[in-house]
Amino acid sequence: MHEFKTKGTCSSKINFDIKDGKLYSVSFKGGCNGNLKSIGLLVEGMDAADVVARLKGVQCAWRKTSCGDQLAKAIEQATEESTQQNA
């Protein structure tokens, strides 16, 4: 299970798993409960790289980020760490 502390959003943390390049068990702490549950359900089982491609750079109102953008950053960080550990 990966844990990512968000920056610049109403949510404060994202938990998720990546198995065989697919995203599972995405959950957010804080933020817009219904919307964030929906994001978790929509991305369940998706290719992690596809999720990054779709959500990276999405902004929320005046913020330069969003919960979706933070999820993309979390996936990128987890993927990078996994690559470094397997090197």
N, C-alpha and C. Protein backbone atom coordinates (compact mmCIF):
# COMPACT_ATOMS: atom_id res chain seq x y z
N MET A 1 0.86 -1.18 0.00
CA MET A 1 0.00 0.00 0.00
C MET A 1 0.90 1.24 0.00
N HIS A 2 0.62 2.14 -0.90
CA HIS A 2 1.36 3.40 -0.98
C HIS A 2 0.55 4.47 -0.25
N GLU A 3 1.26 5.39 0.39
CA GLU A 3 0.64 6.52 1.06
C GLU A 3 1.32 7.79 0.56
N PHE A 4 0.52 8.76 0.16
CA PHE A 4 1.03 10.01 -0.38
C PHE A 4 0.36 11.17 0.33
N LYS A 5 1.15 12.07 0.89
CA LYS A 5 0.62 13.27 1.53
C LYS A 5 0.45 14.35 0.47
N THR A 6 -0.76 14.80 0.30
CA THR A 6 -1.07 15.77 -0.75
C THR A 6 -0.62 17.18 -0.35
N LYS A 7 -0.49 18.02 -1.35
CA LYS A 7 -0.13 19.43 -1.15
C LYS A 7 -1.06 20.29 -2.00
N GLY A 8 -1.65 21.31 -1.38
CA GLY A 8 -2.45 22.27 -2.12
C GLY A 8 -3.88 21.85 -2.41
N THR A 9 -4.37 20.81 -1.71
CA THR A 9 -5.74 20.35 -1.92
C THR A 9 -6.47 20.21 -0.59
N CYS A 10 -7.77 20.05 -0.66
CA CYS A 10 -8.58 19.84 0.55
C CYS A 10 -8.30 18.47 1.15
N SER A 11 -8.02 17.48 0.31
CA SER A 11 -7.65 16.16 0.85
C SER A 11 -6.23 16.25 1.40
N SER A 12 -5.93 15.39 2.36
CA SER A 12 -4.61 15.46 2.99
C SER A 12 -3.74 14.24 2.69
N LYS A 13 -4.36 13.16 2.23
CA LYS A 13 -3.59 11.94 2.01
C LYS A 13 -4.31 11.06 0.99
N ILE A 14 -3.50 10.30 0.21
CA ILE A 14 -4.04 9.32 -0.74
C ILE A 14 -3.37 7.99 -0.45
N ASN A 15 -4.16 6.94 -0.36
CA ASN A 15 -3.65 5.58 -0.23
C ASN A 15 -4.05 4.80 -1.47
N PHE A 16 -3.17 3.93 -1.94
CA PHE A 16 -3.48 3.14 -3.15
C PHE A 16 -2.47 2.01 -3.29
N ASP A 17 -2.83 1.05 -4.13
CA ASP A 17 -1.94 -0.05 -4.49
C ASP A 17 -1.74 -0.04 -5.99
N ILE A 18 -0.56 -0.47 -6.41
CA ILE A 18 -0.30 -0.72 -7.83
C ILE A 18 0.17 -2.16 -7.93
N LYS A 19 -0.58 -2.96 -8.69
CA LYS A 19 -0.23 -4.36 -8.90
C LYS A 19 -0.21 -4.63 -10.39
N ASP A 20 0.91 -5.13 -10.88
CA ASP A 20 1.06 -5.41 -12.31
C ASP A 20 0.70 -4.21 -13.17
N GLY A 21 1.09 -3.02 -12.70
CA GLY A 21 0.85 -1.80 -13.46
C GLY A 21 -0.56 -1.25 -13.38
N LYS A 22 -1.42 -1.90 -12.60
CA LYS A 22 -2.82 -1.48 -12.47
C LYS A 22 -3.05 -0.85 -11.10
N LEU A 23 -3.99 0.07 -11.03
CA LEU A 23 -4.28 0.83 -9.82
C LEU A 23 -5.45 0.20 -9.06
N TYR A 24 -5.27 0.05 -7.74
CA TYR A 24 -6.31 -0.55 -6.90
C TYR A 24 -6.42 0.18 -5.56
N SER A 25 -7.57 0.06 -4.95
CA SER A 25 -7.82 0.51 -3.58
C SER A 25 -7.46 1.97 -3.35
N VAL A 26 -7.85 2.84 -4.26
CA VAL A 26 -7.56 4.27 -4.12
C VAL A 26 -8.53 4.87 -3.10
N SER A 27 -7.97 5.53 -2.09
CA SER A 27 -8.80 6.22 -1.11
C SER A 27 -8.13 7.52 -0.71
N PHE A 28 -8.95 8.53 -0.50
CA PHE A 28 -8.49 9.86 -0.12
C PHE A 28 -8.94 10.14 1.30
N LYS A 29 -8.11 10.86 2.06
CA LYS A 29 -8.50 11.34 3.38
C LYS A 29 -8.82 12.82 3.25
N GLY A 30 -10.01 13.20 3.69
CA GLY A 30 -10.43 14.59 3.58
C GLY A 30 -10.94 14.88 2.18
N GLY A 31 -11.21 16.14 1.93
CA GLY A 31 -11.67 16.56 0.62
C GLY A 31 -13.15 16.31 0.39
N CYS A 32 -13.56 16.36 -0.84
CA CYS A 32 -14.96 16.17 -1.24
C CYS A 32 -15.28 14.68 -1.28
N ASN A 33 -15.85 14.20 -0.22
CA ASN A 33 -16.04 12.76 0.00
C ASN A 33 -16.63 12.03 -1.21
N GLY A 34 -17.76 12.46 -1.70
CA GLY A 34 -18.41 11.76 -2.80
C GLY A 34 -17.59 11.79 -4.08
N ASN A 35 -17.04 12.96 -4.41
CA ASN A 35 -16.24 13.08 -5.62
C ASN A 35 -14.99 12.20 -5.55
N LEU A 36 -14.35 12.17 -4.40
CA LEU A 36 -13.11 11.41 -4.28
C LEU A 36 -13.37 9.90 -4.24
N LYS A 37 -14.49 9.49 -3.65
CA LYS A 37 -14.88 8.08 -3.73
C LYS A 37 -15.12 7.70 -5.19
N SER A 38 -15.74 8.61 -5.93
CA SER A 38 -16.02 8.37 -7.34
C SER A 38 -14.73 8.21 -8.15
N ILE A 39 -13.76 9.07 -7.90
CA ILE A 39 -12.47 8.94 -8.59
C ILE A 39 -11.88 7.57 -8.31
N GLY A 40 -11.88 7.15 -7.04
CA GLY A 40 -11.35 5.84 -6.68
C GLY A 40 -12.03 4.71 -7.43
N LEU A 41 -13.34 4.78 -7.54
CA LEU A 41 -14.09 3.74 -8.26
C LEU A 41 -13.81 3.78 -9.76
N LEU A 42 -13.71 4.97 -10.32
CA LEU A 42 -13.47 5.10 -11.76
C LEU A 42 -12.10 4.59 -12.19
N VAL A 43 -11.09 4.77 -11.35
CA VAL A 43 -9.73 4.37 -11.73
C VAL A 43 -9.39 2.94 -11.30
N GLU A 44 -10.25 2.30 -10.53
CA GLU A 44 -10.00 0.94 -10.05
C GLU A 44 -9.72 0.00 -11.23
N GLY A 45 -8.56 -0.63 -11.19
CA GLY A 45 -8.17 -1.59 -12.21
C GLY A 45 -7.59 -0.99 -13.48
N MET A 46 -7.56 0.34 -13.55
CA MET A 46 -6.99 1.00 -14.74
C MET A 46 -5.47 0.92 -14.72
N ASP A 47 -4.89 1.00 -15.90
CA ASP A 47 -3.45 1.09 -16.02
C ASP A 47 -2.99 2.38 -15.35
N ALA A 48 -2.03 2.27 -14.45
CA ALA A 48 -1.57 3.43 -13.68
C ALA A 48 -1.07 4.55 -14.60
N ALA A 49 -0.38 4.20 -15.68
CA ALA A 49 0.13 5.20 -16.61
C ALA A 49 -1.02 5.95 -17.29
N ASP A 50 -2.12 5.27 -17.58
CA ASP A 50 -3.28 5.92 -18.19
C ASP A 50 -3.92 6.91 -17.23
N VAL A 51 -3.97 6.56 -15.95
CA VAL A 51 -4.53 7.45 -14.94
C VAL A 51 -3.69 8.72 -14.86
N VAL A 52 -2.36 8.57 -14.86
CA VAL A 52 -1.47 9.73 -14.83
C VAL A 52 -1.72 10.60 -16.06
N ALA A 53 -1.81 9.99 -17.23
CA ALA A 53 -2.00 10.75 -18.47
C ALA A 53 -3.31 11.53 -18.45
N ARG A 54 -4.35 10.99 -17.83
CA ARG A 54 -5.65 11.66 -17.81
C ARG A 54 -5.75 12.74 -16.73
N LEU A 55 -5.12 12.52 -15.58
CA LEU A 55 -5.34 13.41 -14.44
C LEU A 55 -4.23 14.44 -14.19
N LYS A 56 -3.05 14.20 -14.72
CA LYS A 56 -1.93 15.10 -14.47
C LYS A 56 -2.24 16.49 -15.03
N GLY A 57 -2.09 17.51 -14.19
CA GLY A 57 -2.28 18.89 -14.61
C GLY A 57 -3.68 19.43 -14.42
N VAL A 58 -4.63 18.60 -13.99
CA VAL A 58 -5.99 19.08 -13.74
C VAL A 58 -5.96 20.02 -12.53
N GLN A 59 -6.58 21.18 -12.69
CA GLN A 59 -6.60 22.17 -11.62
C GLN A 59 -7.99 22.27 -11.01
N CYS A 60 -8.04 22.62 -9.73
CA CYS A 60 -9.29 22.82 -9.02
C CYS A 60 -9.42 24.31 -8.70
N ALA A 61 -10.41 24.93 -9.29
CA ALA A 61 -10.67 26.36 -9.09
C ALA A 61 -9.39 27.17 -9.30
N TRP A 62 -9.00 27.96 -8.33
CA TRP A 62 -7.83 28.83 -8.44
C TRP A 62 -6.53 28.11 -8.11
N ARG A 63 -6.62 26.88 -7.61
CA ARG A 63 -5.41 26.14 -7.23
C ARG A 63 -4.66 25.69 -8.47
N LYS A 64 -3.37 25.47 -8.32
CA LYS A 64 -2.56 24.99 -9.44
C LYS A 64 -2.51 23.46 -9.46
N THR A 65 -3.34 22.83 -8.64
CA THR A 65 -3.39 21.37 -8.56
C THR A 65 -4.83 20.96 -8.23
N SER A 66 -5.05 19.69 -8.11
CA SER A 66 -6.35 19.14 -7.72
C SER A 66 -6.10 17.78 -7.09
N CYS A 67 -7.14 17.17 -6.55
CA CYS A 67 -6.96 15.84 -5.98
C CYS A 67 -6.57 14.83 -7.07
N GLY A 68 -7.13 14.99 -8.26
CA GLY A 68 -6.75 14.13 -9.38
C GLY A 68 -5.29 14.31 -9.76
N ASP A 69 -4.85 15.56 -9.83
CA ASP A 69 -3.45 15.87 -10.13
C ASP A 69 -2.54 15.30 -9.06
N GLN A 70 -2.96 15.40 -7.80
CA GLN A 70 -2.15 14.85 -6.71
C GLN A 70 -2.08 13.32 -6.82
N LEU A 71 -3.17 12.68 -7.25
CA LEU A 71 -3.13 11.23 -7.47
C LEU A 71 -2.12 10.89 -8.56
N ALA A 72 -2.11 11.66 -9.63
CA ALA A 72 -1.14 11.44 -10.71
C ALA A 72 0.28 11.56 -10.17
N LYS A 73 0.54 12.57 -9.36
CA LYS A 73 1.87 12.75 -8.77
C LYS A 73 2.22 11.59 -7.84
N ALA A 74 1.23 11.12 -7.10
CA ALA A 74 1.45 10.00 -6.18
C ALA A 74 1.83 8.74 -6.96
N ILE A 75 1.14 8.49 -8.05
CA ILE A 75 1.43 7.32 -8.89
C ILE A 75 2.83 7.44 -9.48
N GLU A 76 3.17 8.62 -9.98
CA GLU A 76 4.51 8.82 -10.53
C GLU A 76 5.58 8.56 -9.48
N GLN A 77 5.37 9.07 -8.28
CA GLN A 77 6.35 8.88 -7.20
C GLN A 77 6.48 7.39 -6.85
N ALA A 78 5.36 6.71 -6.72
CA ALA A 78 5.37 5.28 -6.37
C ALA A 78 6.05 4.46 -7.47
N THR A 79 5.79 4.81 -8.72
CA THR A 79 6.40 4.10 -9.84
C THR A 79 7.90 4.32 -9.87
N GLU A 80 8.33 5.55 -9.62
CA GLU A 80 9.75 5.88 -9.58
C GLU A 80 10.45 5.12 -8.45
N GLU A 81 9.84 5.11 -7.27
CA GLU A 81 10.43 4.40 -6.12
C GLU A 81 10.53 2.92 -6.40
N SER A 82 9.53 2.35 -7.03
CA SER A 82 9.53 0.93 -7.37
C SER A 82 10.63 0.61 -8.37
N THR A 83 10.81 1.49 -9.34
CA THR A 83 11.86 1.30 -10.34
C THR A 83 13.23 1.36 -9.69
N GLN A 84 13.43 2.30 -8.77
CA GLN A 84 14.72 2.42 -8.09
C GLN A 84 15.00 1.20 -7.20
N GLN A 85 13.98 0.66 -6.57
CA GLN A 85 14.16 -0.51 -5.70
C GLN A 85 14.48 -1.75 -6.51
N ASN A 86 13.96 -1.83 -7.74
CA ASN A 86 14.19 -3.00 -8.57
C ASN A 86 15.43 -2.90 -9.44
N ALA A 87 16.13 -1.77 -9.34
CA ALA A 87 17.34 -1.56 -10.15
C ALA A 87 18.55 -2.22 -9.53
